[in-house]
Amino acid sequence: MKCGVIDIGSNSMRLTVYDAERNTFRILFKEKIMTALASYVEYGALSEEGIESACSGLMEFRERLEVLEIRDIYVFATASLRNITNTEDALNQIYAKTGFAVEVISGYEEAMYGFSGAMCDVAATDGIFTDIGGASTEISIFCEGRIRSAESFPTGSLKLYRECVRNIVPGKGSMKRIGAQIEAQFKDRKFACEAASDVQMVCIG
């Protein structure tokens, strides 16, 4: 069975088409559209231009999927629609304009799914998994191949750039502001795996 999965992120929108058979699957192809939704957040809300950007990307993917005659489509969003004040309105507009019912997953779910996906390609049993996105960062502690804790933090690459960089290229002042935000977010937080074996750091972005 062929199915399509669309991930609406804060920086980009990704389409992955799978050929799934019982408990196995293979990726047929991937495509990415840069939407930079985090840059359209104003006073905590996603602007109309941002909603239009999301709809435009979804309609491009819909055209691809229709040509391939793929009917099983799952669309989800992470911090792009989770960490805004007008989530419900944005979801209603997206559904009305594209026909896609978008599911907004929690930060914990995002961390869990990201870890599960990464472990399909990485041979690691004990360590820390970090997924740095545009508007959020997920950190999971895993021991003996299983998650012990998973958490999402409201800070990411695009969000830091928008809030801390005043010119196109970050200067010393920008780097200090970025460092201060990161320190404030993770101050007094400890991330460690209690396993006796070697601990690995797995990072994706």
Protein backbone atom coordinates (compact mmCIF):
# COMPACT_ATOMS: atom_id res chain seq x y z
CA MET A 1 0.00 0.00 0.00
CA LYS A 2 1.33 3.42 -0.96
CA CYS A 3 0.74 6.34 1.37
CA GLY A 4 1.91 9.91 1.76
CA VAL A 5 2.97 11.68 4.96
CA ILE A 6 3.23 15.47 5.11
CA ASP A 7 5.15 17.12 7.96
CA ILE A 8 4.37 20.82 8.42
CA GLY A 9 7.41 22.17 10.24
CA SER A 10 8.41 25.65 11.33
CA ASN A 11 11.06 26.00 8.64
CA SER A 12 10.02 23.58 5.89
CA MET A 13 7.21 21.29 4.78
CA ARG A 14 8.17 17.73 3.87
CA LEU A 15 6.39 15.06 1.87
CA THR A 16 7.46 11.43 2.12
CA VAL A 17 5.78 8.69 0.10
CA TYR A 18 6.00 5.17 1.52
CA ASP A 19 5.29 1.71 0.23
CA ALA A 20 4.05 -0.03 3.40
CA GLU A 21 3.51 -3.75 3.77
CA ARG A 22 2.45 -5.10 7.17
CA ASN A 23 5.28 -4.23 9.59
CA THR A 24 7.78 -3.11 6.93
CA PHE A 25 8.04 -0.07 4.70
CA ARG A 26 10.32 1.53 2.17
CA ILE A 27 10.60 5.16 1.15
CA LEU A 28 9.71 5.79 -2.49
CA PHE A 29 10.63 9.46 -2.56
CA LYS A 30 10.92 12.64 -0.52
CA GLU A 31 10.27 16.27 -1.33
CA LYS A 32 10.72 19.47 0.66
CA ILE A 33 9.26 22.96 0.33
CA MET A 34 10.71 25.88 2.30
CA THR A 35 7.81 27.71 3.94
CA ALA A 36 9.53 29.35 6.95
CA LEU A 37 6.27 29.49 8.90
CA ALA A 38 8.05 30.58 12.07
CA SER A 39 8.99 33.83 10.34
CA TYR A 40 5.29 34.64 9.89
CA VAL A 41 4.49 34.56 13.61
CA GLU A 42 3.46 38.00 14.86
CA TYR A 43 2.68 38.59 18.53
CA GLY A 44 2.35 34.86 19.02
CA ALA A 45 -0.09 34.27 16.14
CA LEU A 46 0.51 32.90 12.64
CA SER A 47 -0.30 35.69 10.18
CA GLU A 48 -2.62 35.37 7.19
CA GLU A 49 0.48 35.35 4.95
CA GLY A 50 1.82 32.42 6.96
CA ILE A 51 -1.42 30.49 6.61
CA GLU A 52 -1.37 31.15 2.86
CA SER A 53 2.22 29.89 2.70
CA ALA A 54 1.17 26.66 4.42
CA CYS A 55 -1.80 26.25 2.08
CA SER A 56 0.35 26.89 -1.00
CA GLY A 57 2.81 24.19 0.01
CA LEU A 58 0.05 21.70 0.77
CA MET A 59 -1.58 22.30 -2.61
CA GLU A 60 1.73 21.64 -4.37
CA PHE A 61 2.00 18.33 -2.56
CA ARG A 62 -1.64 17.51 -3.32
CA GLU A 63 -0.91 17.84 -7.05
CA ARG A 64 2.00 15.39 -6.76
CA LEU A 65 -0.08 12.90 -4.82
CA GLU A 66 -3.00 13.10 -7.23
CA VAL A 67 -0.71 12.36 -10.20
CA LEU A 68 0.57 9.30 -8.32
CA GLU A 69 -3.02 8.34 -7.42
CA ILE A 70 -2.17 8.16 -3.73
CA ARG A 71 -5.29 8.45 -1.61
CA ASP A 72 -3.95 7.53 1.84
CA ILE A 73 -2.48 10.81 3.09
CA TYR A 74 -1.58 11.77 6.65
CA VAL A 75 -0.80 15.42 7.48
CA PHE A 76 0.60 16.55 10.80
CA ALA A 77 2.14 19.72 12.22
CA THR A 78 4.64 20.28 14.99
CA ALA A 79 5.69 23.56 16.63
CA SER A 80 4.69 25.47 13.49
CA LEU A 81 1.02 25.24 14.51
CA ARG A 82 1.40 24.02 18.09
CA ASN A 83 3.19 27.04 19.55
CA ILE A 84 0.87 29.75 18.24
CA THR A 85 -2.17 31.41 19.76
CA ASN A 86 -4.48 30.94 16.75
CA THR A 87 -4.01 27.21 16.14
CA GLU A 88 -7.70 26.42 15.73
CA ASP A 89 -8.30 29.27 13.27
CA ALA A 90 -5.23 28.29 11.22
CA LEU A 91 -6.35 24.65 11.09
CA ASN A 92 -9.86 25.65 9.98
CA GLN A 93 -8.52 27.88 7.22
CA ILE A 94 -6.10 25.22 6.00
CA TYR A 95 -8.87 22.63 5.87
CA ALA A 96 -11.22 24.98 4.02
CA LYS A 97 -8.61 25.90 1.41
CA THR A 98 -6.83 22.56 0.91
CA GLY A 99 -9.15 19.83 2.18
CA PHE A 100 -6.40 18.55 4.49
CA ALA A 101 -7.34 17.89 8.11
CA VAL A 102 -4.07 18.58 9.91
CA GLU A 103 -3.27 16.88 13.21
CA VAL A 104 -1.12 18.91 15.59
CA ILE A 105 1.07 16.56 17.60
CA SER A 106 2.36 17.34 21.08
CA GLY A 107 5.98 18.05 21.88
CA TYR A 108 6.25 14.68 23.62
CA GLU A 109 4.86 12.89 20.56
CA GLU A 110 7.26 14.78 18.31
CA ALA A 111 10.20 13.69 20.44
CA MET A 112 8.99 10.07 20.47
CA TYR A 113 8.35 9.89 16.73
CA GLY A 114 11.64 11.61 15.92
CA PHE A 115 13.55 9.15 18.07
CA SER A 116 11.77 6.15 16.53
CA GLY A 117 12.54 7.37 13.03
CA ALA A 118 16.19 8.11 13.77
CA MET A 119 16.73 4.67 15.28
CA CYS A 120 15.79 3.11 11.95
CA ASP A 121 19.09 4.47 10.59
CA VAL A 122 21.31 4.74 13.67
CA ALA A 123 22.71 1.83 15.66
CA ALA A 124 22.68 3.28 19.18
CA THR A 125 21.36 1.81 22.42
CA ASP A 126 22.22 4.39 25.09
CA GLY A 127 22.38 8.14 24.75
CA ILE A 128 20.69 11.44 24.07
CA PHE A 129 18.64 12.16 20.96
CA THR A 130 18.23 15.81 19.92
CA ASP A 131 16.04 17.14 17.12
CA ILE A 132 16.70 20.82 16.42
CA GLY A 133 13.85 22.33 14.46
CA GLY A 134 12.92 25.82 13.37
CA ALA A 135 10.83 26.74 16.42
CA SER A 136 11.36 23.89 18.87
CA THR A 137 13.98 21.41 20.03
CA GLU A 138 13.16 17.91 21.22
CA ILE A 139 15.45 16.02 23.58
CA SER A 140 15.01 12.33 24.42
CA ILE A 141 17.04 10.20 26.81
CA PHE A 142 17.26 6.55 25.79
CA CYS A 143 18.81 3.54 27.51
CA GLU A 144 19.02 -0.01 26.19
CA GLY A 145 17.20 1.13 23.06
CA ARG A 146 14.19 2.53 24.92
CA ILE A 147 13.17 6.07 25.72
CA ARG A 148 13.42 7.01 29.39
CA SER A 149 12.27 10.61 28.99
CA ALA A 150 11.25 12.91 26.16
CA GLU A 151 10.64 16.66 26.22
CA SER A 152 10.08 19.54 23.79
CA PHE A 153 11.53 23.03 24.29
CA PRO A 154 10.18 26.17 22.55
CA THR A 155 13.43 27.23 20.93
CA GLY A 156 14.84 26.46 17.49
CA SER A 157 17.17 27.70 14.77
CA LEU A 158 14.72 29.92 12.87
CA LYS A 159 13.17 31.31 16.05
CA LEU A 160 16.60 32.20 17.44
CA TYR A 161 17.61 33.82 14.18
CA ARG A 162 14.47 35.93 14.02
CA GLU A 163 14.65 37.05 17.65
CA CYS A 164 18.41 37.51 18.03
CA VAL A 165 19.94 38.43 14.66
CA ARG A 166 19.55 42.05 13.57
CA ASN A 167 21.51 41.84 10.33
CA ILE A 168 21.63 39.11 7.70
CA VAL A 169 24.80 37.50 9.08
CA PRO A 170 25.01 36.98 12.86
CA GLY A 171 27.67 39.11 14.52
CA LYS A 172 29.16 38.98 18.01
CA GLY A 173 26.13 40.67 19.51
CA SER A 174 23.78 38.21 17.82
CA MET A 175 25.80 35.26 19.07
CA LYS A 176 25.68 36.60 22.62
CA ARG A 177 21.91 37.00 22.44
CA ILE A 178 21.52 33.49 21.00
CA GLY A 179 23.74 32.07 23.73
CA ALA A 180 21.79 33.91 26.43
CA GLN A 181 18.46 32.53 25.17
CA ILE A 182 19.78 28.99 25.00
CA GLU A 183 21.32 29.27 28.47
CA ALA A 184 18.06 30.61 29.91
CA GLN A 185 16.09 27.79 28.29
CA PHE A 186 18.31 24.96 29.50
CA LYS A 187 19.73 26.41 32.70
CA ASP A 188 19.82 23.89 35.56
CA ARG A 189 18.56 21.13 33.27
CA LYS A 190 20.46 17.85 33.32
CA PHE A 191 20.27 15.29 30.52
CA ALA A 192 21.98 11.99 31.25
CA CYS A 193 21.58 8.28 30.61
CA GLU A 194 22.27 5.97 33.54
CA ALA A 195 23.43 3.08 31.36
CA ALA A 196 26.87 1.64 32.02
CA SER A 197 27.74 1.34 28.33
CA ASP A 198 29.05 4.11 26.10
CA VAL A 199 26.58 6.97 25.76
CA GLN A 200 26.06 8.43 22.28
CA MET A 201 24.72 11.77 21.15
CA VAL A 202 22.37 11.58 18.15
CA CYS A 203 21.41 14.91 16.58
CA ILE A 204 19.20 15.74 13.59
CA GLY A 205 17.93 19.04 12.28
